[in-house]
Amino acid sequence: MQQAEIHKFLIQYFKSNDCEIVESHPGYFVVQLTIAQDKLLMNRPFYWHYLEKTGGEPNPGKLTFITEPDLAPDDIKGEFIHFGSPRLHQIFETTKQLSSYIRLFEDCTNKAQQNPLYPWIGLNVKVSFQCNRKKDIFLSLGLNLISGKIHEAFHDRVLSLSVTPKIPDYTYTLSPLIMPKSGISRLDSHIRTSLSFEDHSWAEEAFTRWQNDLELLENFYQDQEKGESYETEKEALREQYEPRISIKVINGGLFYLSETAI
């Protein structure tokens, strides 16, 4: 996830949750949190508990996020946010809580005629490659529930459209030929097939390191009784080195889009 994508994602996140973007610049932005977002992000439960007990006037926080330090003025004080930062992953988790599922309609009203909207199912997915090291990649896939077409970078495409949670006037939705449950299975198969073509040398290298450390462990215990400590250390090596890939859905939804949207 590049810094420009992080900036775009954060702006969209806060706008979607009714937070005011006080300032927006290429390398940083300032956001005024709502009460709900302050409670989710600022970790000050005692403050809100006190206000609710006393009836005091709430003062939700204002945050400055720096996404590209080279583009931000030197005198700007704020929180540098990048892919590995705890704050970004906190917002990812909050996104899952608030919008694990959504339904949106493209606003493409043409009053001269009725406009059909095609059903798509969209998933944002985190794929984790794990051994003694870890790498995460994020995928956004959309499946047309009539044609079966799969579109990658689906989230970015939807962000460029005008969408609304209510079906617009002069539009109607087409019934899916592929049911959503089946659509999710198709996207899962697509992801797994794509992963099969990835370079898996990282797993082979992890397995080699695992076997080397196992050999050292065996040598250490060769003149000793292999009791509970041996089994514990052996299991620890397995947990550390065993190559595995996990696929986790972050969020998703149904999107009704015009024929030319994608």
C-alpha atoms as a PDB file:
ATOM      1  CA  MET A   1       0.000   0.000   0.000  1.00  0.00           C
ATOM      2  CA  GLN A   2       1.687   3.205  -1.186  1.00  0.00           C
ATOM      3  CA  GLN A   3       1.613   6.457   0.814  1.00  0.00           C
ATOM      4  CA  ALA A   4      -0.683   8.158  -1.711  1.00  0.00           C
ATOM      5  CA  GLU A   5      -3.128   5.239  -1.383  1.00  0.00           C
ATOM      6  CA  ILE A   6      -2.994   5.496   2.412  1.00  0.00           C
ATOM      7  CA  HIS A   7      -3.739   9.231   2.200  1.00  0.00           C
ATOM      8  CA  LYS A   8      -6.702   8.604  -0.103  1.00  0.00           C
ATOM      9  CA  PHE A   9      -8.014   5.778   2.076  1.00  0.00           C
ATOM     10  CA  LEU A  10      -7.851   7.862   5.264  1.00  0.00           C
ATOM     11  CA  ILE A  11      -9.614  10.846   3.711  1.00  0.00           C
ATOM     12  CA  GLN A  12     -12.372   8.545   2.453  1.00  0.00           C
ATOM     13  CA  TYR A  13     -12.602   6.785   5.830  1.00  0.00           C
ATOM     14  CA  PHE A  14     -13.061   9.981   7.833  1.00  0.00           C
ATOM     15  CA  LYS A  15     -15.493  11.529   5.352  1.00  0.00           C
ATOM     16  CA  SER A  16     -17.546   8.334   5.368  1.00  0.00           C
ATOM     17  CA  ASN A  17     -17.749   8.584   9.150  1.00  0.00           C
ATOM     18  CA  ASP A  18     -18.923  12.234   9.125  1.00  0.00           C
ATOM     19  CA  CYS A  19     -15.609  13.722  10.278  1.00  0.00           C
ATOM     20  CA  GLU A  20     -14.706  17.185   8.960  1.00  0.00           C
ATOM     21  CA  ILE A  21     -11.468  17.419   6.984  1.00  0.00           C
ATOM     22  CA  VAL A  22     -10.251  20.773   8.313  1.00  0.00           C
ATOM     23  CA  GLU A  23      -7.200  20.930   6.024  1.00  0.00           C
ATOM     24  CA  SER A  24      -6.176  18.696   3.136  1.00  0.00           C
ATOM     25  CA  HIS A  25      -2.767  18.892   1.467  1.00  0.00           C
ATOM     26  CA  PRO A  26      -0.753  16.416  -0.632  1.00  0.00           C
ATOM     27  CA  GLY A  27       1.492  15.360   2.264  1.00  0.00           C
ATOM     28  CA  TYR A  28      -0.773  15.765   5.279  1.00  0.00           C
ATOM     29  CA  PHE A  29      -4.293  16.556   6.455  1.00  0.00           C
ATOM     30  CA  VAL A  30      -6.106  17.655   9.590  1.00  0.00           C
ATOM     31  CA  VAL A  31      -9.331  15.965  10.683  1.00  0.00           C
ATOM     32  CA  GLN A  32     -11.859  16.931  13.328  1.00  0.00           C
ATOM     33  CA  LEU A  33     -13.146  13.734  14.907  1.00  0.00           C
ATOM     34  CA  THR A  34     -16.752  13.116  15.783  1.00  0.00           C
ATOM     35  CA  ILE A  35     -17.619  11.877  19.261  1.00  0.00           C
ATOM     36  CA  ALA A  36     -18.021   8.340  17.903  1.00  0.00           C
ATOM     37  CA  GLN A  37     -14.617   8.392  16.187  1.00  0.00           C
ATOM     38  CA  ASP A  38     -12.925   9.886  19.251  1.00  0.00           C
ATOM     39  CA  LYS A  39     -14.266   7.002  21.323  1.00  0.00           C
ATOM     40  CA  LEU A  40     -12.970   4.507  18.765  1.00  0.00           C
ATOM     41  CA  LEU A  41      -9.534   5.996  18.119  1.00  0.00           C
ATOM     42  CA  MET A  42      -8.376   8.149  21.024  1.00  0.00           C
ATOM     43  CA  ASN A  43      -8.420   5.573  23.842  1.00  0.00           C
ATOM     44  CA  ARG A  44      -9.772   7.816  26.599  1.00  0.00           C
ATOM     45  CA  PRO A  45     -12.745   5.945  28.092  1.00  0.00           C
ATOM     46  CA  PHE A  46     -12.480   7.665  31.474  1.00  0.00           C
ATOM     47  CA  TYR A  47     -12.890  11.088  29.831  1.00  0.00           C
ATOM     48  CA  TRP A  48     -16.099  10.032  28.080  1.00  0.00           C
ATOM     49  CA  HIS A  49     -17.378   8.215  31.152  1.00  0.00           C
ATOM     50  CA  TYR A  50     -16.858  11.379  33.221  1.00  0.00           C
ATOM     51  CA  LEU A  51     -18.649  13.550  30.661  1.00  0.00           C
ATOM     52  CA  GLU A  52     -21.601  11.193  30.482  1.00  0.00           C
ATOM     53  CA  LYS A  53     -21.873  11.202  34.273  1.00  0.00           C
ATOM     54  CA  THR A  54     -21.543  14.973  34.679  1.00  0.00           C
ATOM     55  CA  GLY A  55     -23.278  16.139  31.513  1.00  0.00           C
ATOM     56  CA  GLY A  56     -20.233  18.126  30.449  1.00  0.00           C
ATOM     57  CA  GLU A  57     -19.697  19.539  26.969  1.00  0.00           C
ATOM     58  CA  PRO A  58     -17.851  17.033  24.756  1.00  0.00           C
ATOM     59  CA  ASN A  59     -14.656  18.074  23.030  1.00  0.00           C
ATOM     60  CA  PRO A  60     -13.672  15.389  20.515  1.00  0.00           C
ATOM     61  CA  GLY A  61     -10.086  15.428  19.332  1.00  0.00           C
ATOM     62  CA  LYS A  62      -8.527  16.916  16.240  1.00  0.00           C
ATOM     63  CA  LEU A  63      -5.719  14.958  14.573  1.00  0.00           C
ATOM     64  CA  THR A  64      -3.018  15.836  12.053  1.00  0.00           C
ATOM     65  CA  PHE A  65      -1.821  12.934   9.927  1.00  0.00           C
ATOM     66  CA  ILE A  66       1.378  13.184   7.899  1.00  0.00           C
ATOM     67  CA  THR A  67       1.364  10.728   5.003  1.00  0.00           C
ATOM     68  CA  GLU A  68       4.324  12.010   2.961  1.00  0.00           C
ATOM     69  CA  PRO A  69       6.894  13.923   5.076  1.00  0.00           C
ATOM     70  CA  ASP A  70       8.771  15.186   1.996  1.00  0.00           C
ATOM     71  CA  LEU A  71       5.646  17.050   0.872  1.00  0.00           C
ATOM     72  CA  ALA A  72       4.654  18.404   4.291  1.00  0.00           C
ATOM     73  CA  PRO A  73       6.059  21.707   5.647  1.00  0.00           C
ATOM     74  CA  ASP A  74       8.778  21.350   8.276  1.00  0.00           C
ATOM     75  CA  ASP A  75       6.723  23.163  10.906  1.00  0.00           C
ATOM     76  CA  ILE A  76       3.774  20.750  10.673  1.00  0.00           C
ATOM     77  CA  LYS A  77       3.448  18.657  13.825  1.00  0.00           C
ATOM     78  CA  GLY A  78       1.467  15.484  13.452  1.00  0.00           C
ATOM     79  CA  GLU A  79       1.423  11.714  13.426  1.00  0.00           C
ATOM     80  CA  PHE A  80       3.325  10.062  10.590  1.00  0.00           C
ATOM     81  CA  ILE A  81       1.141   7.251   9.318  1.00  0.00           C
ATOM     82  CA  HIS A  82       2.414   4.478   7.067  1.00  0.00           C
ATOM     83  CA  PHE A  83       1.561   0.884   6.277  1.00  0.00           C
ATOM     84  CA  GLY A  84       3.249  -0.555   9.357  1.00  0.00           C
ATOM     85  CA  SER A  85       2.010   2.054  11.822  1.00  0.00           C
ATOM     86  CA  PRO A  86      -0.217   0.889  14.694  1.00  0.00           C
ATOM     87  CA  ARG A  87      -2.637   3.746  14.005  1.00  0.00           C
ATOM     88  CA  LEU A  88      -3.339   2.573  10.452  1.00  0.00           C
ATOM     89  CA  HIS A  89      -4.005  -0.968  11.617  1.00  0.00           C
ATOM     90  CA  GLN A  90      -6.236   0.420  14.371  1.00  0.00           C
ATOM     91  CA  ILE A  91      -8.261   2.190  11.665  1.00  0.00           C
ATOM     92  CA  PHE A  92      -8.362  -1.028   9.606  1.00  0.00           C
ATOM     93  CA  GLU A  93      -9.846  -2.807  12.629  1.00  0.00           C
ATOM     94  CA  THR A  94     -12.315   0.027  13.169  1.00  0.00           C
ATOM     95  CA  THR A  95     -13.342  -0.211   9.526  1.00  0.00           C
ATOM     96  CA  LYS A  96     -14.162  -3.884  10.046  1.00  0.00           C
ATOM     97  CA  GLN A  97     -16.327  -3.014  13.056  1.00  0.00           C
ATOM     98  CA  LEU A  98     -18.187  -0.208  11.308  1.00  0.00           C
ATOM     99  CA  SER A  99     -18.542  -1.451   7.769  1.00  0.00           C
ATOM    100  CA  SER A 100     -17.932  -5.158   7.417  1.00  0.00           C
ATOM    101  CA  TYR A 101     -20.734  -5.156   4.862  1.00  0.00           C
ATOM    102  CA  ILE A 102     -22.191  -2.378   2.717  1.00  0.00           C
ATOM    103  CA  ARG A 103     -24.668  -1.961  -0.129  1.00  0.00           C
ATOM    104  CA  LEU A 104     -24.255   0.923  -2.571  1.00  0.00           C
ATOM    105  CA  PHE A 105     -25.874   2.065  -5.805  1.00  0.00           C
ATOM    106  CA  GLU A 106     -24.238   4.075  -8.550  1.00  0.00           C
ATOM    107  CA  ASP A 107     -25.923   7.443  -8.996  1.00  0.00           C
ATOM    108  CA  CYS A 108     -26.087   7.590 -12.778  1.00  0.00           C
ATOM    109  CA  THR A 109     -29.532   9.095 -13.160  1.00  0.00           C
ATOM    110  CA  ASN A 110     -30.655   9.805 -16.690  1.00  0.00           C
ATOM    111  CA  LYS A 111     -34.167  11.182 -16.465  1.00  0.00           C
ATOM    112  CA  ALA A 112     -34.793  10.443 -20.118  1.00  0.00           C
ATOM    113  CA  GLN A 113     -34.891   6.708 -19.444  1.00  0.00           C
ATOM    114  CA  GLN A 114     -34.780   3.980 -16.822  1.00  0.00           C
ATOM    115  CA  ASN A 115     -31.192   2.970 -16.066  1.00  0.00           C
ATOM    116  CA  PRO A 116     -30.334  -0.668 -15.240  1.00  0.00           C
ATOM    117  CA  LEU A 117     -27.807  -1.330 -12.492  1.00  0.00           C
ATOM    118  CA  TYR A 118     -25.747  -4.536 -12.564  1.00  0.00           C
ATOM    119  CA  PRO A 119     -25.026  -6.406  -9.310  1.00  0.00           C
ATOM    120  CA  TRP A 120     -21.400  -6.830  -8.223  1.00  0.00           C
ATOM    121  CA  ILE A 121     -20.001  -8.374  -5.082  1.00  0.00           C
ATOM    122  CA  GLY A 122     -16.827  -6.716  -3.828  1.00  0.00           C
ATOM    123  CA  LEU A 123     -14.313  -8.011  -1.276  1.00  0.00           C
ATOM    124  CA  ASN A 124     -11.284  -6.353   0.310  1.00  0.00           C
ATOM    125  CA  VAL A 125      -8.925  -9.113   1.400  1.00  0.00           C
ATOM    126  CA  LYS A 126      -5.653  -9.351   3.335  1.00  0.00           C
ATOM    127  CA  VAL A 127      -3.292 -12.154   2.303  1.00  0.00           C
ATOM    128  CA  SER A 128      -0.545 -12.916   4.827  1.00  0.00           C
ATOM    129  CA  PHE A 129       2.610 -14.876   3.995  1.00  0.00           C
ATOM    130  CA  GLN A 130       4.000 -16.102   7.309  1.00  0.00           C
ATOM    131  CA  CYS A 131       7.047 -17.973   8.553  1.00  0.00           C
ATOM    132  CA  ASN A 132       9.799 -16.460  10.718  1.00  0.00           C
ATOM    133  CA  ARG A 133       9.060 -13.361   8.632  1.00  0.00           C
ATOM    134  CA  LYS A 134       5.744 -11.944   7.543  1.00  0.00           C
ATOM    135  CA  LYS A 135       4.473 -10.107   4.500  1.00  0.00           C
ATOM    136  CA  ASP A 136       0.932  -8.814   3.954  1.00  0.00           C
ATOM    137  CA  ILE A 137      -0.658  -7.862   0.663  1.00  0.00           C
ATOM    138  CA  PHE A 138      -4.094  -6.365   0.152  1.00  0.00           C
ATOM    139  CA  LEU A 139      -6.423  -7.299  -2.686  1.00  0.00           C
ATOM    140  CA  SER A 140      -9.669  -5.698  -3.765  1.00  0.00           C
ATOM    141  CA  LEU A 141     -11.747  -7.854  -6.092  1.00  0.00           C
ATOM    142  CA  GLY A 142     -15.147  -7.418  -7.656  1.00  0.00           C
ATOM    143  CA  LEU A 143     -17.305 -10.071  -9.329  1.00  0.00           C
ATOM    144  CA  ASN A 144     -20.147  -9.248 -11.702  1.00  0.00           C
ATOM    145  CA  LEU A 145     -23.008 -11.441 -10.484  1.00  0.00           C
ATOM    146  CA  ILE A 146     -24.478 -11.689 -13.976  1.00  0.00           C
ATOM    147  CA  SER A 147     -21.500 -12.140 -16.312  1.00  0.00           C
ATOM    148  CA  GLY A 148     -19.025 -13.667 -13.828  1.00  0.00           C
ATOM    149  CA  LYS A 149     -16.387 -11.082 -14.808  1.00  0.00           C
ATOM    150  CA  ILE A 150     -13.756 -10.435 -12.121  1.00  0.00           C
ATOM    151  CA  HIS A 151     -12.219  -6.975 -11.752  1.00  0.00           C
ATOM    152  CA  GLU A 152      -9.105  -6.311  -9.677  1.00  0.00           C
ATOM    153  CA  ALA A 153      -8.499  -2.977  -7.898  1.00  0.00           C
ATOM    154  CA  PHE A 154     -12.287  -2.900  -7.459  1.00  0.00           C
ATOM    155  CA  HIS A 155     -12.220  -0.615  -4.419  1.00  0.00           C
ATOM    156  CA  ASP A 156     -10.308   2.111  -6.276  1.00  0.00           C
ATOM    157  CA  ARG A 157     -12.761   1.897  -9.164  1.00  0.00           C
ATOM    158  CA  VAL A 158     -15.777   2.281  -6.884  1.00  0.00           C
ATOM    159  CA  LEU A 159     -14.146   5.260  -5.148  1.00  0.00           C
ATOM    160  CA  SER A 160     -14.057   7.062  -8.501  1.00  0.00           C
ATOM    161  CA  LEU A 161     -17.834   6.646  -8.953  1.00  0.00           C
ATOM    162  CA  SER A 162     -20.711   8.590  -7.455  1.00  0.00           C
ATOM    163  CA  VAL A 163     -22.459   6.091  -5.188  1.00  0.00           C
ATOM    164  CA  THR A 164     -25.277   6.296  -2.657  1.00  0.00           C
ATOM    165  CA  PRO A 165     -26.788   3.910  -0.065  1.00  0.00           C
ATOM    166  CA  LYS A 166     -30.275   4.507  -1.529  1.00  0.00           C
ATOM    167  CA  ILE A 167     -31.294   3.450  -5.005  1.00  0.00           C
ATOM    168  CA  PRO A 168     -31.493   6.613  -7.143  1.00  0.00           C
ATOM    169  CA  ASP A 169     -34.564   7.666  -9.088  1.00  0.00           C
ATOM    170  CA  TYR A 170     -34.872   6.423 -12.660  1.00  0.00           C
ATOM    171  CA  THR A 171     -32.799   3.323 -11.946  1.00  0.00           C
ATOM    172  CA  TYR A 172     -33.623  -0.319 -11.331  1.00  0.00           C
ATOM    173  CA  THR A 173     -31.523  -3.303 -10.292  1.00  0.00           C
ATOM    174  CA  LEU A 174     -31.008  -6.456 -12.326  1.00  0.00           C
ATOM    175  CA  SER A 175     -31.406  -9.814 -10.598  1.00  0.00           C
ATOM    176  CA  PRO A 176     -28.155 -11.761 -10.155  1.00  0.00           C
ATOM    177  CA  LEU A 177     -27.591 -15.018 -12.006  1.00  0.00           C
ATOM    178  CA  ILE A 178     -24.813 -15.884  -9.524  1.00  0.00           C
ATOM    179  CA  MET A 179     -25.856 -15.874  -5.882  1.00  0.00           C
ATOM    180  CA  PRO A 180     -23.589 -13.909  -3.486  1.00  0.00           C
ATOM    181  CA  LYS A 181     -22.480 -17.047  -1.604  1.00  0.00           C
ATOM    182  CA  SER A 182     -21.390 -18.636  -4.881  1.00  0.00           C
ATOM    183  CA  GLY A 183     -19.742 -15.356  -5.892  1.00  0.00           C
ATOM    184  CA  ILE A 184     -17.626 -15.364  -2.738  1.00  0.00           C
ATOM    185  CA  SER A 185     -16.546 -18.941  -3.528  1.00  0.00           C
ATOM    186  CA  ARG A 186     -15.524 -17.864  -7.037  1.00  0.00           C
ATOM    187  CA  LEU A 187     -13.443 -14.994  -5.663  1.00  0.00           C
ATOM    188  CA  ASP A 188     -11.843 -17.337  -3.132  1.00  0.00           C
ATOM    189  CA  SER A 189     -10.887 -19.724  -5.963  1.00  0.00           C
ATOM    190  CA  HIS A 190      -9.528 -16.806  -7.993  1.00  0.00           C
ATOM    191  CA  ILE A 191      -7.307 -15.709  -5.102  1.00  0.00           C
ATOM    192  CA  ARG A 192      -6.016 -19.227  -4.450  1.00  0.00           C
ATOM    193  CA  THR A 193      -5.288 -19.795  -8.143  1.00  0.00           C
ATOM    194  CA  SER A 194      -3.408 -16.485  -8.316  1.00  0.00           C
ATOM    195  CA  LEU A 195      -1.356 -17.418  -5.257  1.00  0.00           C
ATOM    196  CA  SER A 196      -0.341 -20.717  -6.832  1.00  0.00           C
ATOM    197  CA  PHE A 197       1.628 -18.739  -9.441  1.00  0.00           C
ATOM    198  CA  GLU A 198       3.493 -16.684  -6.827  1.00  0.00           C
ATOM    199  CA  ASP A 199       7.198 -17.178  -6.115  1.00  0.00           C
ATOM    200  CA  HIS A 200       7.282 -19.559  -3.143  1.00  0.00           C
ATOM    201  CA  SER A 201      11.038 -19.539  -2.625  1.00  0.00           C
ATOM    202  CA  TRP A 202      10.398 -17.769   0.702  1.00  0.00           C
ATOM    203  CA  ALA A 203       8.646 -20.940   1.962  1.00  0.00           C
ATOM    204  CA  GLU A 204      11.468 -23.195   0.759  1.00  0.00           C
ATOM    205  CA  GLU A 205      14.022 -20.982   2.491  1.00  0.00           C
ATOM    206  CA  ALA A 206      11.995 -21.013   5.709  1.00  0.00           C
ATOM    207  CA  PHE A 207      11.763 -24.801   5.561  1.00  0.00           C
ATOM    208  CA  THR A 208      15.543 -25.044   5.137  1.00  0.00           C
ATOM    209  CA  ARG A 209      16.127 -22.794   8.169  1.00  0.00           C
ATOM    210  CA  TRP A 210      13.609 -24.877  10.112  1.00  0.00           C
ATOM    211  CA  GLN A 211      15.439 -28.112   9.304  1.00  0.00           C
ATOM    212  CA  ASN A 212      18.819 -26.577  10.216  1.00  0.00           C
ATOM    213  CA  ASP A 213      17.551 -25.459  13.607  1.00  0.00           C
ATOM    214  CA  LEU A 214      15.907 -28.834  14.174  1.00  0.00           C
ATOM    215  CA  GLU A 215      19.252 -30.503  13.501  1.00  0.00           C
ATOM    216  CA  LEU A 216      20.936 -28.245  16.078  1.00  0.00           C
ATOM    217  CA  LEU A 217      18.188 -29.096  18.563  1.00  0.00           C
ATOM    218  CA  GLU A 218      18.651 -32.824  17.973  1.00  0.00           C
ATOM    219  CA  ASN A 219      22.409 -32.498  18.443  1.00  0.00           C
ATOM    220  CA  PHE A 220      21.898 -30.603  21.689  1.00  0.00           C
ATOM    221  CA  TYR A 221      19.644 -33.309  23.099  1.00  0.00           C
ATOM    222  CA  GLN A 222      21.438 -36.344  21.669  1.00  0.00           C
ATOM    223  CA  ASP A 223      23.025 -37.240  24.996  1.00  0.00           C
ATOM    224  CA  GLN A 224      20.039 -36.159  27.093  1.00  0.00           C
ATOM    225  CA  GLU A 225      16.602 -37.499  27.770  1.00  0.00           C
ATOM    226  CA  LYS A 226      14.119 -35.864  25.399  1.00  0.00           C
ATOM    227  CA  GLY A 227      11.514 -34.704  27.829  1.00  0.00           C
ATOM    228  CA  GLU A 228       9.008 -31.874  27.990  1.00  0.00           C
ATOM    229  CA  SER A 229      11.557 -29.104  27.303  1.00  0.00           C
ATOM    230  CA  TYR A 230      12.611 -30.834  24.075  1.00  0.00           C
ATOM    231  CA  GLU A 231       9.024 -31.069  22.845  1.00  0.00           C
ATOM    232  CA  THR A 232       8.388 -27.447  23.803  1.00  0.00           C
ATOM    233  CA  GLU A 233      11.424 -26.202  21.873  1.00  0.00           C
ATOM    234  CA  LYS A 234      10.558 -28.386  18.876  1.00  0.00           C
ATOM    235  CA  GLU A 235       7.021 -26.972  18.789  1.00  0.00           C
ATOM    236  CA  ALA A 236       8.402 -23.443  19.101  1.00  0.00           C
ATOM    237  CA  LEU A 237      10.539 -24.021  16.005  1.00  0.00           C
ATOM    238  CA  ARG A 238       7.501 -25.262  14.094  1.00  0.00           C
ATOM    239  CA  GLU A 239       5.488 -22.190  15.061  1.00  0.00           C
ATOM    240  CA  GLN A 240       8.388 -19.932  14.095  1.00  0.00           C
ATOM    241  CA  TYR A 241       9.328 -21.400  10.732  1.00  0.00           C
ATOM    242  CA  GLU A 242       6.379 -23.353   9.310  1.00  0.00           C
ATOM    243  CA  PRO A 243       5.363 -21.585   6.062  1.00  0.00           C
ATOM    244  CA  ARG A 244       1.686 -20.706   5.824  1.00  0.00           C
ATOM    245  CA  ILE A 245      -0.582 -18.389   3.873  1.00  0.00           C
ATOM    246  CA  SER A 246      -3.752 -16.974   5.423  1.00  0.00           C
ATOM    247  CA  ILE A 247      -6.563 -15.202   3.610  1.00  0.00           C
ATOM    248  CA  LYS A 248      -8.752 -12.847   5.627  1.00  0.00           C
ATOM    249  CA  VAL A 249     -11.724 -10.822   4.380  1.00  0.00           C
ATOM    250  CA  ILE A 250     -11.560  -7.265   5.730  1.00  0.00           C
ATOM    251  CA  ASN A 251     -14.934  -6.122   4.427  1.00  0.00           C
ATOM    252  CA  GLY A 252     -17.158  -6.352   1.411  1.00  0.00           C
ATOM    253  CA  GLY A 253     -20.545  -5.580  -0.017  1.00  0.00           C
ATOM    254  CA  LEU A 254     -23.000  -5.523  -2.883  1.00  0.00           C
ATOM    255  CA  PHE A 255     -22.615  -2.799  -5.472  1.00  0.00           C
ATOM    256  CA  TYR A 256     -25.156  -1.996  -8.139  1.00  0.00           C
ATOM    257  CA  LEU A 257     -23.327  -0.294 -11.008  1.00  0.00           C
ATOM    258  CA  SER A 258     -24.098   0.867 -14.513  1.00  0.00           C
ATOM    259  CA  GLU A 259     -23.024  -1.255 -17.474  1.00  0.00           C
ATOM    260  CA  THR A 260     -20.193   1.152 -18.342  1.00  0.00           C
ATOM    261  CA  ALA A 261     -18.893   1.654 -14.764  1.00  0.00           C
ATOM    262  CA  ILE A 262     -16.356  -1.162 -15.073  1.00  0.00           C
END
